[in-house]
Each structure stands twice: as C-alpha cells, then as structure tokens.
C-alpha cells in the first residue's frame, strides 16, 4: 500500500495555477465529402445498424426455412413446425449476427 502511495506522491499534484501554460489541442480539419469506402451502412435507413438488421433477416429466414422443412416430414411434421421455426430463428439470428459483424456491406439496410 505504501509503495502505491509513494508512486502517486512522486508524480506530482495537479494545480489550478494560472501561471502554468496549457498545451492547445491540434486543430482537426473537416472533410466536406465522406469517403464511400468508410461508410458500411446507409445512414438514411430507418435502422442503419448492420448487426440488428442481420439478426432480424437471419431470424426470419431461418424460421421460415426450418418450418417448411419440418412440414415436409409426414405425420408429426406439422405438429413440430413451431418448434422447428423457433430453432431455425435462433440459428438464423446467430448467422445473421456473424454476417452483420464480419461483412456489414452484405446486409441490406432497409429493414425497419
């Protein structure tokens, strides 16, 4: 404990002395036209977050595809379709999240 106090005591103390000159921050130049490669999403979309849009698109597509696949099973397929849709939605949401994180330009930015 004393070693930590000694380190802080040796570094100095902040003061509000007006005689100390403060270093002025560097001036940042403004850019009038954004570079197209720097923008991965459409800022004018209702929700321009590629992660959220990827999850929504993946969950919807996964639920539909898995429910249809379960409906093809004779007999119990129609009964199991809701459970298959939930499982497909979870898998699709995870896949959509990965696509939105790794390739945000691949996710359409038009979902609400």
PDB file of N, CA and C in Angstrom:
ATOM      1  N   UNK A   1       0.824  -1.191   0.000  1.00  0.00           N
ATOM      2  CA  UNK A   1       0.000   0.000   0.000  1.00  0.00           C
ATOM      3  C   UNK A   1       0.868   1.254   0.000  1.00  0.00           C
ATOM      4  N   UNK A   2       1.940   1.221   0.782  1.00  0.00           N
ATOM      5  CA  UNK A   2       2.810   2.384   0.837  1.00  0.00           C
ATOM      6  C   UNK A   2       3.558   2.591  -0.475  1.00  0.00           C
ATOM      7  N   UNK A   3       3.862   1.488  -1.157  1.00  0.00           N
ATOM      8  CA  UNK A   3       4.561   1.626  -2.436  1.00  0.00           C
ATOM      9  C   UNK A   3       3.675   2.341  -3.448  1.00  0.00           C
ATOM     10  N   UNK A   4       2.386   2.022  -3.460  1.00  0.00           N
ATOM     11  CA  UNK A   4       1.457   2.700  -4.368  1.00  0.00           C
ATOM     12  C   UNK A   4       1.314   4.165  -4.029  1.00  0.00           C
ATOM     13  N   UNK A   5       1.289   4.500  -2.745  1.00  0.00           N
ATOM     14  CA  UNK A   5       1.193   5.900  -2.336  1.00  0.00           C
ATOM     15  C   UNK A   5       2.455   6.655  -2.700  1.00  0.00           C
ATOM     16  N   UNK A   6       3.597   5.978  -2.618  1.00  0.00           N
ATOM     17  CA  UNK A   6       4.852   6.636  -2.968  1.00  0.00           C
ATOM     18  C   UNK A   6       4.909   6.946  -4.458  1.00  0.00           C
ATOM     19  N   UNK A   7       4.365   6.061  -5.277  1.00  0.00           N
ATOM     20  CA  UNK A   7       4.360   6.304  -6.725  1.00  0.00           C
ATOM     21  C   UNK A   7       3.519   7.533  -7.044  1.00  0.00           C
ATOM     22  N   UNK A   8       2.337   7.614  -6.443  1.00  0.00           N
ATOM     23  CA  UNK A   8       1.470   8.754  -6.713  1.00  0.00           C
ATOM     24  C   UNK A   8       2.034  10.049  -6.135  1.00  0.00           C
ATOM     25  N   UNK A   9       2.713   9.957  -5.009  1.00  0.00           N
ATOM     26  CA  UNK A   9       3.278  11.153  -4.393  1.00  0.00           C
ATOM     27  C   UNK A   9       4.441  11.692  -5.212  1.00  0.00           C
ATOM     28  N   UNK A  10       5.156  10.815  -5.897  1.00  0.00           N
ATOM     29  CA  UNK A  10       6.322  11.246  -6.662  1.00  0.00           C
ATOM     30  C   UNK A  10       5.946  11.827  -8.018  1.00  0.00           C
ATOM     31  N   UNK A  11       4.741  11.580  -8.489  1.00  0.00           N
ATOM     32  CA  UNK A  11       4.374  12.041  -9.828  1.00  0.00           C
ATOM     33  C   UNK A  11       3.940  13.487  -9.858  1.00  0.00           C
ATOM     34  N   UNK A  12       3.609  14.082  -8.749  1.00  0.00           N
ATOM     35  CA  UNK A  12       3.211  15.480  -8.734  1.00  0.00           C
ATOM     36  C   UNK A  12       1.737  15.639  -8.433  1.00  0.00           C
ATOM     37  N   UNK A  13       1.337  16.874  -8.311  1.00  0.00           N
ATOM     38  CA  UNK A  13      -0.034  17.194  -7.946  1.00  0.00           C
ATOM     39  C   UNK A  13      -0.584  18.163  -8.974  1.00  0.00           C
ATOM     40  N   UNK A  14      -1.821  17.981  -9.353  1.00  0.00           N
ATOM     41  CA  UNK A  14      -2.461  18.903 -10.290  1.00  0.00           C
ATOM     42  C   UNK A  14      -2.789  20.197  -9.562  1.00  0.00           C
ATOM     43  N   UNK A  15      -2.605  21.309 -10.234  1.00  0.00           N
ATOM     44  CA  UNK A  15      -2.933  22.587  -9.614  1.00  0.00           C
ATOM     45  C   UNK A  15      -3.661  23.465 -10.618  1.00  0.00           C
ATOM     46  N   UNK A  16      -4.370  24.433 -10.087  1.00  0.00           N
ATOM     47  CA  UNK A  16      -5.090  25.389 -10.924  1.00  0.00           C
ATOM     48  C   UNK A  16      -4.310  26.682 -11.037  1.00  0.00           C
ATOM     49  N   UNK A  17      -3.011  26.600 -10.975  1.00  0.00           N
ATOM     50  CA  UNK A  17      -2.153  27.777 -11.044  1.00  0.00           C
ATOM     51  C   UNK A  17      -2.253  28.396 -12.435  1.00  0.00           C
ATOM     52  N   UNK A  18      -2.682  29.670 -12.539  1.00  0.00           N
ATOM     53  CA  UNK A  18      -2.810  30.279 -13.864  1.00  0.00           C
ATOM     54  C   UNK A  18      -1.474  30.514 -14.550  1.00  0.00           C
ATOM     55  N   UNK A  19      -0.374  30.365 -13.837  1.00  0.00           N
ATOM     56  CA  UNK A  19       0.933  30.570 -14.438  1.00  0.00           C
ATOM     57  C   UNK A  19       1.374  29.398 -15.304  1.00  0.00           C
ATOM     58  N   UNK A  20       0.684  28.270 -15.192  1.00  0.00           N
ATOM     59  CA  UNK A  20       1.057  27.089 -15.968  1.00  0.00           C
ATOM     60  C   UNK A  20       0.349  27.157 -17.314  1.00  0.00           C
ATOM     61  N   UNK A  21       1.115  27.121 -18.384  1.00  0.00           N
ATOM     62  CA  UNK A  21       0.539  27.192 -19.733  1.00  0.00           C
ATOM     63  C   UNK A  21       0.018  25.818 -20.135  1.00  0.00           C
ATOM     64  N   UNK A  22      -1.195  25.803 -20.650  1.00  0.00           N
ATOM     65  CA  UNK A  22      -1.786  24.561 -21.127  1.00  0.00           C
ATOM     66  C   UNK A  22      -1.490  24.385 -22.608  1.00  0.00           C
ATOM     67  N   UNK A  23      -1.243  23.162 -22.997  1.00  0.00           N
ATOM     68  CA  UNK A  23      -0.988  22.876 -24.404  1.00  0.00           C
ATOM     69  C   UNK A  23      -2.316  22.880 -25.160  1.00  0.00           C
ATOM     70  N   UNK A  24      -2.377  23.617 -26.241  1.00  0.00           N
ATOM     71  CA  UNK A  24      -3.602  23.702 -27.034  1.00  0.00           C
ATOM     72  C   UNK A  24      -3.758  22.445 -27.887  1.00  0.00           C
ATOM     73  N   UNK A  25      -4.976  21.926 -28.004  1.00  0.00           N
ATOM     74  CA  UNK A  25      -5.173  20.731 -28.840  1.00  0.00           C
ATOM     75  C   UNK A  25      -4.988  21.066 -30.315  1.00  0.00           C
ATOM     76  N   UNK A  26      -4.620  20.062 -31.081  1.00  0.00           N
ATOM     77  CA  UNK A  26      -4.418  20.245 -32.517  1.00  0.00           C
ATOM     78  C   UNK A  26      -5.756  20.499 -33.193  1.00  0.00           C
ATOM     79  N   UNK A  27      -5.735  21.306 -34.229  1.00  0.00           N
ATOM     80  CA  UNK A  27      -6.953  21.619 -34.972  1.00  0.00           C
ATOM     81  C   UNK A  27      -7.251  20.469 -35.924  1.00  0.00           C
ATOM     82  N   UNK A  28      -8.493  20.012 -35.906  1.00  0.00           N
ATOM     83  CA  UNK A  28      -8.911  18.919 -36.786  1.00  0.00           C
ATOM     84  C   UNK A  28      -9.502  19.518 -38.046  1.00  0.00           C
ATOM     85  N   UNK A  29      -9.032  19.052 -39.186  1.00  0.00           N
ATOM     86  CA  UNK A  29      -9.560  19.547 -40.451  1.00  0.00           C
ATOM     87  C   UNK A  29     -10.867  18.833 -40.762  1.00  0.00           C
ATOM     88  N   UNK A  30     -11.831  19.585 -41.252  1.00  0.00           N
ATOM     89  CA  UNK A  30     -13.098  18.970 -41.623  1.00  0.00           C
ATOM     90  C   UNK A  30     -13.031  18.475 -43.059  1.00  0.00           C
ATOM     91  N   UNK A  31     -13.731  17.375 -43.319  1.00  0.00           N
ATOM     92  CA  UNK A  31     -13.785  16.786 -44.652  1.00  0.00           C
ATOM     93  C   UNK A  31     -15.169  17.064 -45.202  1.00  0.00           C
ATOM     94  N   UNK A  32     -15.229  17.658 -46.379  1.00  0.00           N
ATOM     95  CA  UNK A  32     -16.527  18.045 -46.925  1.00  0.00           C
ATOM     96  C   UNK A  32     -17.272  16.867 -47.539  1.00  0.00           C
ATOM     97  N   UNK A  33     -16.583  15.917 -48.142  1.00  0.00           N
ATOM     98  CA  UNK A  33     -17.233  14.772 -48.785  1.00  0.00           C
ATOM     99  C   UNK A  33     -16.720  13.499 -48.124  1.00  0.00           C
ATOM    100  N   UNK A  34     -17.621  12.672 -47.553  1.00  0.00           N
ATOM    101  CA  UNK A  34     -17.148  11.434 -46.930  1.00  0.00           C
ATOM    102  C   UNK A  34     -16.662  10.445 -47.988  1.00  0.00           C
ATOM    103  N   UNK A  35     -15.729   9.631 -47.595  1.00  0.00           N
ATOM    104  CA  UNK A  35     -15.203   8.606 -48.487  1.00  0.00           C
ATOM    105  C   UNK A  35     -16.190   7.448 -48.499  1.00  0.00           C
ATOM    106  N   UNK A  36     -16.577   6.992 -49.687  1.00  0.00           N
ATOM    107  CA  UNK A  36     -17.603   5.954 -49.808  1.00  0.00           C
ATOM    108  C   UNK A  36     -17.171   4.652 -49.152  1.00  0.00           C
ATOM    109  N   UNK A  37     -15.907   4.335 -49.170  1.00  0.00           N
ATOM    110  CA  UNK A  37     -15.439   3.091 -48.573  1.00  0.00           C
ATOM    111  C   UNK A  37     -15.493   3.084 -47.061  1.00  0.00           C
ATOM    112  N   UNK A  38     -15.565   4.254 -46.439  1.00  0.00           N
ATOM    113  CA  UNK A  38     -15.596   4.314 -44.986  1.00  0.00           C
ATOM    114  C   UNK A  38     -16.990   4.077 -44.413  1.00  0.00           C
ATOM    115  N   UNK A  39     -18.018   4.190 -45.215  1.00  0.00           N
ATOM    116  CA  UNK A  39     -19.388   4.060 -44.731  1.00  0.00           C
ATOM    117  C   UNK A  39     -19.921   2.696 -45.148  1.00  0.00           C
ATOM    118  N   UNK A  40     -20.220   1.837 -44.152  1.00  0.00           N
ATOM    119  CA  UNK A  40     -20.684   0.488 -44.449  1.00  0.00           C
ATOM    120  C   UNK A  40     -22.198   0.391 -44.463  1.00  0.00           C
ATOM    121  N   UNK A  41     -22.886   1.386 -43.938  1.00  0.00           N
ATOM    122  CA  UNK A  41     -24.343   1.326 -43.866  1.00  0.00           C
ATOM    123  C   UNK A  41     -24.947   2.575 -44.476  1.00  0.00           C
ATOM    124  N   UNK A  42     -26.242   2.531 -44.672  1.00  0.00           N
ATOM    125  CA  UNK A  42     -26.983   3.670 -45.201  1.00  0.00           C
ATOM    126  C   UNK A  42     -27.483   4.492 -44.016  1.00  0.00           C
ATOM    127  N   UNK A  43     -26.916   5.663 -43.757  1.00  0.00           N
ATOM    128  CA  UNK A  43     -27.349   6.439 -42.590  1.00  0.00           C
ATOM    129  C   UNK A  43     -28.771   6.972 -42.716  1.00  0.00           C
ATOM    130  N   UNK A  44     -29.357   6.928 -43.914  1.00  0.00           N
ATOM    131  CA  UNK A  44     -30.725   7.398 -44.096  1.00  0.00           C
ATOM    132  C   UNK A  44     -31.754   6.303 -43.856  1.00  0.00           C
ATOM    133  N   UNK A  45     -31.331   5.069 -43.634  1.00  0.00           N
ATOM    134  CA  UNK A  45     -32.266   3.979 -43.375  1.00  0.00           C
ATOM    135  C   UNK A  45     -32.896   4.171 -42.000  1.00  0.00           C
ATOM    136  N   UNK A  46     -34.077   3.531 -41.804  1.00  0.00           N
ATOM    137  CA  UNK A  46     -34.729   3.650 -40.504  1.00  0.00           C
ATOM    138  C   UNK A  46     -33.849   3.074 -39.403  1.00  0.00           C
ATOM    139  N   UNK A  47     -33.215   1.961 -39.671  1.00  0.00           N
ATOM    140  CA  UNK A  47     -32.291   1.357 -38.723  1.00  0.00           C
ATOM    141  C   UNK A  47     -31.047   0.976 -39.503  1.00  0.00           C
ATOM    142  N   UNK A  48     -29.982   1.741 -39.359  1.00  0.00           N
ATOM    143  CA  UNK A  48     -28.789   1.528 -40.165  1.00  0.00           C
ATOM    144  C   UNK A  48     -27.773   0.620 -39.483  1.00  0.00           C
ATOM    145  N   UNK A  49     -28.167  -0.108 -38.445  1.00  0.00           N
ATOM    146  CA  UNK A  49     -27.251  -0.992 -37.738  1.00  0.00           C
ATOM    147  C   UNK A  49     -27.181  -2.343 -38.444  1.00  0.00           C
ATOM    148  N   UNK A  50     -26.033  -2.716 -39.007  1.00  0.00           N
ATOM    149  CA  UNK A  50     -25.963  -3.989 -39.735  1.00  0.00           C
ATOM    150  C   UNK A  50     -26.117  -5.200 -38.826  1.00  0.00           C
ATOM    151  N   UNK A  51     -25.770  -5.085 -37.540  1.00  0.00           N
ATOM    152  CA  UNK A  51     -25.939  -6.217 -36.636  1.00  0.00           C
ATOM    153  C   UNK A  51     -27.415  -6.504 -36.392  1.00  0.00           C
ATOM    154  N   UNK A  52     -28.181  -5.463 -36.081  1.00  0.00           N
ATOM    155  CA  UNK A  52     -29.611  -5.649 -35.825  1.00  0.00           C
ATOM    156  C   UNK A  52     -30.337  -6.117 -37.075  1.00  0.00           C
ATOM    157  N   UNK A  53     -29.993  -5.542 -38.217  1.00  0.00           N
ATOM    158  CA  UNK A  53     -30.648  -5.953 -39.452  1.00  0.00           C
ATOM    159  C   UNK A  53     -30.253  -7.371 -39.843  1.00  0.00           C
ATOM    160  N   UNK A  54     -29.012  -7.759 -39.598  1.00  0.00           N
ATOM    161  CA  UNK A  54     -28.587  -9.125 -39.877  1.00  0.00           C
ATOM    162  C   UNK A  54     -29.305 -10.131 -39.000  1.00  0.00           C
ATOM    163  N   UNK A  55     -29.466  -9.795 -37.722  1.00  0.00           N
ATOM    164  CA  UNK A  55     -30.188 -10.685 -36.808  1.00  0.00           C
ATOM    165  C   UNK A  55     -31.645 -10.814 -37.230  1.00  0.00           C
ATOM    166  N   UNK A  56     -32.281  -9.700 -37.577  1.00  0.00           N
ATOM    167  CA  UNK A  56     -33.695  -9.740 -37.971  1.00  0.00           C
ATOM    168  C   UNK A  56     -33.891 -10.540 -39.252  1.00  0.00           C
ATOM    169  N   UNK A  57     -33.053 -10.295 -40.245  1.00  0.00           N
ATOM    170  CA  UNK A  57     -33.187 -11.020 -41.510  1.00  0.00           C
ATOM    171  C   UNK A  57     -32.869 -12.500 -41.325  1.00  0.00           C
ATOM    172  N   UNK A  58     -31.832 -12.806 -40.559  1.00  0.00           N
ATOM    173  CA  UNK A  58     -31.461 -14.202 -40.333  1.00  0.00           C
ATOM    174  C   UNK A  58     -32.509 -14.962 -39.548  1.00  0.00           C
ATOM    175  N   UNK A  59     -33.088 -14.328 -38.538  1.00  0.00           N
ATOM    176  CA  UNK A  59     -34.118 -14.991 -37.740  1.00  0.00           C
ATOM    177  C   UNK A  59     -35.363 -15.259 -38.571  1.00  0.00           C
ATOM    178  N   UNK A  60     -35.767 -14.300 -39.373  1.00  0.00           N
ATOM    179  CA  UNK A  60     -36.947 -14.505 -40.222  1.00  0.00           C
ATOM    180  C   UNK A  60     -36.736 -15.593 -41.251  1.00  0.00           C
ATOM    181  N   UNK A  61     -35.606 -15.540 -41.928  1.00  0.00           N
ATOM    182  CA  UNK A  61     -35.326 -16.550 -42.954  1.00  0.00           C
ATOM    183  C   UNK A  61     -35.154 -17.927 -42.327  1.00  0.00           C
ATOM    184  N   UNK A  62     -34.467 -18.001 -41.197  1.00  0.00           N
ATOM    185  CA  UNK A  62     -34.269 -19.291 -40.534  1.00  0.00           C
ATOM    186  C   UNK A  62     -35.568 -19.901 -40.056  1.00  0.00           C
ATOM    187  N   UNK A  63     -36.465 -19.083 -39.515  1.00  0.00           N
ATOM    188  CA  UNK A  63     -37.753 -19.594 -39.046  1.00  0.00           C
ATOM    189  C   UNK A  63     -38.578 -20.145 -40.200  1.00  0.00           C
ATOM    190  N   UNK A  64     -38.619 -19.422 -41.300  1.00  0.00           N
ATOM    191  CA  UNK A  64     -39.417 -19.874 -42.447  1.00  0.00           C
ATOM    192  C   UNK A  64     -38.840 -21.152 -43.044  1.00  0.00           C
ATOM    193  N   UNK A  65     -37.537 -21.174 -43.263  1.00  0.00           N
ATOM    194  CA  UNK A  65     -36.913 -22.350 -43.894  1.00  0.00           C
ATOM    195  C   UNK A  65     -37.068 -23.586 -43.020  1.00  0.00           C
ATOM    196  N   UNK A  66     -36.832 -23.471 -41.729  1.00  0.00           N
ATOM    197  CA  UNK A  66     -36.932 -24.639 -40.860  1.00  0.00           C
ATOM    198  C   UNK A  66     -38.370 -25.098 -40.692  1.00  0.00           C
ATOM    199  N   UNK A  67     -39.315 -24.190 -40.648  1.00  0.00           N
ATOM    200  CA  UNK A  67     -40.717 -24.594 -40.554  1.00  0.00           C
ATOM    201  C   UNK A  67     -41.145 -25.336 -41.813  1.00  0.00           C
ATOM    202  N   UNK A  68     -40.712 -24.871 -42.976  1.00  0.00           N
ATOM    203  CA  UNK A  68     -41.063 -25.553 -44.232  1.00  0.00           C
ATOM    204  C   UNK A  68     -40.427 -26.933 -44.278  1.00  0.00           C
ATOM    205  N   UNK A  69     -39.190 -27.052 -43.833  1.00  0.00           N
ATOM    206  CA  UNK A  69     -38.533 -28.362 -43.829  1.00  0.00           C
ATOM    207  C   UNK A  69     -39.263 -29.323 -42.895  1.00  0.00           C
ATOM    208  N   UNK A  70     -39.707 -28.848 -41.735  1.00  0.00           N
ATOM    209  CA  UNK A  70     -40.458 -29.712 -40.817  1.00  0.00           C
ATOM    210  C   UNK A  70     -41.808 -30.107 -41.396  1.00  0.00           C
ATOM    211  N   UNK A  71     -42.423 -29.228 -42.165  1.00  0.00           N
ATOM    212  CA  UNK A  71     -43.726 -29.546 -42.764  1.00  0.00           C
ATOM    213  C   UNK A  71     -43.607 -30.666 -43.797  1.00  0.00           C
ATOM    214  N   UNK A  72     -42.418 -30.886 -44.335  1.00  0.00           N
ATOM    215  CA  UNK A  72     -42.224 -31.942 -45.326  1.00  0.00           C
ATOM    216  C   UNK A  72     -42.185 -33.333 -44.700  1.00  0.00           C
ATOM    217  N   UNK A  73     -41.988 -33.413 -43.382  1.00  0.00           N
ATOM    218  CA  UNK A  73     -41.963 -34.707 -42.698  1.00  0.00           C
ATOM    219  C   UNK A  73     -43.395 -35.195 -42.544  1.00  0.00           C
ATOM    220  N   UNK A  74     -43.711 -36.391 -43.067  1.00  0.00           N
ATOM    221  CA  UNK A  74     -45.097 -36.882 -42.955  1.00  0.00           C
ATOM    222  C   UNK A  74     -45.469 -37.171 -41.494  1.00  0.00           C
ATOM    223  N   UNK A  75     -46.695 -36.883 -41.147  1.00  0.00           N
ATOM    224  CA  UNK A  75     -47.200 -37.187 -39.814  1.00  0.00           C
ATOM    225  C   UNK A  75     -46.954 -36.069 -38.824  1.00  0.00           C
ATOM    226  N   UNK A  76     -45.881 -36.171 -38.066  1.00  0.00           N
ATOM    227  CA  UNK A  76     -45.622 -35.243 -36.967  1.00  0.00           C
ATOM    228  C   UNK A  76     -44.987 -33.941 -37.428  1.00  0.00           C
ATOM    229  N   UNK A  77     -44.725 -33.789 -38.695  1.00  0.00           N
ATOM    230  CA  UNK A  77     -44.060 -32.586 -39.184  1.00  0.00           C
ATOM    231  C   UNK A  77     -44.856 -31.328 -38.947  1.00  0.00           C
ATOM    232  N   UNK A  78     -46.169 -31.399 -39.152  1.00  0.00           N
ATOM    233  CA  UNK A  78     -46.984 -30.200 -38.960  1.00  0.00           C
ATOM    234  C   UNK A  78     -47.096 -29.834 -37.485  1.00  0.00           C
ATOM    235  N   UNK A  79     -47.022 -30.829 -36.608  1.00  0.00           N
ATOM    236  CA  UNK A  79     -47.081 -30.561 -35.171  1.00  0.00           C
ATOM    237  C   UNK A  79     -45.758 -29.955 -34.694  1.00  0.00           C
ATOM    238  N   UNK A  80     -44.656 -30.387 -35.271  1.00  0.00           N
ATOM    239  CA  UNK A  80     -43.340 -29.929 -34.838  1.00  0.00           C
ATOM    240  C   UNK A  80     -42.902 -28.646 -35.527  1.00  0.00           C
ATOM    241  N   UNK A  81     -43.683 -28.141 -36.470  1.00  0.00           N
ATOM    242  CA  UNK A  81     -43.278 -26.956 -37.237  1.00  0.00           C
ATOM    243  C   UNK A  81     -42.999 -25.735 -36.354  1.00  0.00           C
ATOM    244  N   UNK A  82     -43.815 -25.430 -35.334  1.00  0.00           N
ATOM    245  CA  UNK A  82     -43.481 -24.262 -34.495  1.00  0.00           C
ATOM    246  C   UNK A  82     -42.144 -24.413 -33.759  1.00  0.00           C
ATOM    247  N   UNK A  83     -41.868 -25.613 -33.253  1.00  0.00           N
ATOM    248  CA  UNK A  83     -40.588 -25.828 -32.576  1.00  0.00           C
ATOM    249  C   UNK A  83     -39.434 -25.720 -33.562  1.00  0.00           C
ATOM    250  N   UNK A  84     -39.638 -26.232 -34.763  1.00  0.00           N
ATOM    251  CA  UNK A  84     -38.596 -26.108 -35.790  1.00  0.00           C
ATOM    252  C   UNK A  84     -38.380 -24.646 -36.160  1.00  0.00           C
ATOM    253  N   UNK A  85     -39.458 -23.872 -36.210  1.00  0.00           N
ATOM    254  CA  UNK A  85     -39.341 -22.455 -36.558  1.00  0.00           C
ATOM    255  C   UNK A  85     -38.541 -21.699 -35.501  1.00  0.00           C
ATOM    256  N   UNK A  86     -38.758 -22.029 -34.227  1.00  0.00           N
ATOM    257  CA  UNK A  86     -38.005 -21.357 -33.156  1.00  0.00           C
ATOM    258  C   UNK A  86     -36.526 -21.713 -33.246  1.00  0.00           C
ATOM    259  N   UNK A  87     -36.241 -22.998 -33.450  1.00  0.00           N
ATOM    260  CA  UNK A  87     -34.843 -23.414 -33.593  1.00  0.00           C
ATOM    261  C   UNK A  87     -34.183 -22.773 -34.802  1.00  0.00           C
ATOM    262  N   UNK A  88     -34.922 -22.699 -35.899  1.00  0.00           N
ATOM    263  CA  UNK A  88     -34.386 -22.063 -37.099  1.00  0.00           C
ATOM    264  C   UNK A  88     -34.165 -20.578 -36.914  1.00  0.00           C
ATOM    265  N   UNK A  89     -35.062 -19.934 -36.165  1.00  0.00           N
ATOM    266  CA  UNK A  89     -34.905 -18.500 -35.907  1.00  0.00           C
ATOM    267  C   UNK A  89     -33.654 -18.231 -35.077  1.00  0.00           C
ATOM    268  N   UNK A  90     -33.402 -19.085 -34.087  1.00  0.00           N
ATOM    269  CA  UNK A  90     -32.196 -18.903 -33.269  1.00  0.00           C
ATOM    270  C   UNK A  90     -30.929 -19.112 -34.098  1.00  0.00           C
ATOM    271  N   UNK A  91     -30.920 -20.175 -34.910  1.00  0.00           N
ATOM    272  CA  UNK A  91     -29.749 -20.415 -35.764  1.00  0.00           C
ATOM    273  C   UNK A  91     -29.573 -19.292 -36.782  1.00  0.00           C
ATOM    274  N   UNK A  92     -30.664 -18.856 -37.385  1.00  0.00           N
ATOM    275  CA  UNK A  92     -30.589 -17.781 -38.372  1.00  0.00           C
ATOM    276  C   UNK A  92     -30.153 -16.463 -37.759  1.00  0.00           C
ATOM    277  N   UNK A  93     -30.613 -16.189 -36.539  1.00  0.00           N
ATOM    278  CA  UNK A  93     -30.216 -14.948 -35.864  1.00  0.00           C
ATOM    279  C   UNK A  93     -28.720 -14.951 -35.573  1.00  0.00           C
ATOM    280  N   UNK A  94     -28.196 -16.093 -35.143  1.00  0.00           N
ATOM    281  CA  UNK A  94     -26.755 -16.183 -34.886  1.00  0.00           C
ATOM    282  C   UNK A  94     -25.959 -16.009 -36.178  1.00  0.00           C
ATOM    283  N   UNK A  95     -26.415 -16.645 -37.248  1.00  0.00           N
ATOM    284  CA  UNK A  95     -25.733 -16.496 -38.535  1.00  0.00           C
ATOM    285  C   UNK A  95     -25.827 -15.055 -39.042  1.00  0.00           C
ATOM    286  N   UNK A  96     -27.004 -14.427 -38.897  1.00  0.00           N
ATOM    287  CA  UNK A  96     -27.165 -13.033 -39.304  1.00  0.00           C
ATOM    288  C   UNK A  96     -26.294 -12.087 -38.498  1.00  0.00           C
ATOM    289  N   UNK A  97     -26.120 -12.386 -37.210  1.00  0.00           N
ATOM    290  CA  UNK A  97     -25.241 -11.571 -36.367  1.00  0.00           C
ATOM    291  C   UNK A  97     -23.798 -11.656 -36.849  1.00  0.00           C
ATOM    292  N   UNK A  98     -23.366 -12.864 -37.198  1.00  0.00           N
ATOM    293  CA  UNK A  98     -21.997 -13.026 -37.701  1.00  0.00           C
ATOM    294  C   UNK A  98     -21.808 -12.317 -39.035  1.00  0.00           C
ATOM    295  N   UNK A  99     -22.790 -12.424 -39.918  1.00  0.00           N
ATOM    296  CA  UNK A  99     -22.684 -11.742 -41.214  1.00  0.00           C
ATOM    297  C   UNK A  99     -22.676 -10.231 -41.010  1.00  0.00           C
ATOM    298  N   UNK A 100     -23.532  -9.723 -40.131  1.00  0.00           N
ATOM    299  CA  UNK A 100     -23.564  -8.287 -39.862  1.00  0.00           C
ATOM    300  C   UNK A 100     -22.275  -7.774 -39.254  1.00  0.00           C
ATOM    301  N   UNK A 101     -21.599  -8.613 -38.468  1.00  0.00           N
ATOM    302  CA  UNK A 101     -20.343  -8.188 -37.840  1.00  0.00           C
ATOM    303  C   UNK A 101     -19.162  -8.300 -38.791  1.00  0.00           C
ATOM    304  N   UNK A 102     -19.132  -9.357 -39.592  1.00  0.00           N
ATOM    305  CA  UNK A 102     -17.968  -9.597 -40.446  1.00  0.00           C
ATOM    306  C   UNK A 102     -18.081  -8.961 -41.822  1.00  0.00           C
ATOM    307  N   UNK A 103     -19.299  -8.826 -42.336  1.00  0.00           N
ATOM    308  CA  UNK A 103     -19.492  -8.247 -43.675  1.00  0.00           C
ATOM    309  C   UNK A 103     -20.710  -7.338 -43.656  1.00  0.00           C
ATOM    310  N   UNK A 104     -20.619  -6.158 -43.010  1.00  0.00           N
ATOM    311  CA  UNK A 104     -21.800  -5.296 -42.883  1.00  0.00           C
ATOM    312  C   UNK A 104     -22.342  -4.804 -44.217  1.00  0.00           C
ATOM    313  N   UNK A 105     -21.513  -4.761 -45.260  1.00  0.00           N
ATOM    314  CA  UNK A 105     -21.989  -4.309 -46.569  1.00  0.00           C
ATOM    315  C   UNK A 105     -22.901  -5.344 -47.218  1.00  0.00           C
ATOM    316  N   UNK A 106     -22.900  -6.591 -46.732  1.00  0.00           N
ATOM    317  CA  UNK A 106     -23.731  -7.640 -47.316  1.00  0.00           C
ATOM    318  C   UNK A 106     -25.158  -7.613 -46.781  1.00  0.00           C
ATOM    319  N   UNK A 107     -25.401  -6.869 -45.706  1.00  0.00           N
ATOM    320  CA  UNK A 107     -26.729  -6.816 -45.092  1.00  0.00           C
ATOM    321  C   UNK A 107     -27.476  -5.613 -45.644  1.00  0.00           C
ATOM    322  N   UNK A 108     -28.649  -5.825 -46.241  1.00  0.00           N
ATOM    323  CA  UNK A 108     -29.408  -4.668 -46.741  1.00  0.00           C
ATOM    324  C   UNK A 108     -29.875  -3.789 -45.588  1.00  0.00           C
ATOM    325  N   UNK A 109     -29.707  -2.484 -45.734  1.00  0.00           N
ATOM    326  CA  UNK A 109     -30.022  -1.548 -44.660  1.00  0.00           C
ATOM    327  C   UNK A 109     -31.386  -0.906 -44.879  1.00  0.00           C
ATOM    328  N   UNK A 110     -32.383  -1.711 -45.173  1.00  0.00           N
ATOM    329  CA  UNK A 110     -33.715  -1.173 -45.422  1.00  0.00           C
ATOM    330  C   UNK A 110     -34.739  -1.730 -44.453  1.00  0.00           C
ATOM    331  N   UNK A 111     -34.331  -2.590 -43.538  1.00  0.00           N
ATOM    332  CA  UNK A 111     -35.280  -3.165 -42.595  1.00  0.00           C
ATOM    333  C   UNK A 111     -35.690  -2.116 -41.566  1.00  0.00           C
ATOM    334  N   UNK A 112     -36.927  -2.171 -41.103  1.00  0.00           N
ATOM    335  CA  UNK A 112     -37.375  -1.176 -40.107  1.00  0.00           C
ATOM    336  C   UNK A 112     -36.726  -1.378 -38.754  1.00  0.00           C
TER     337      UNK A 112
END
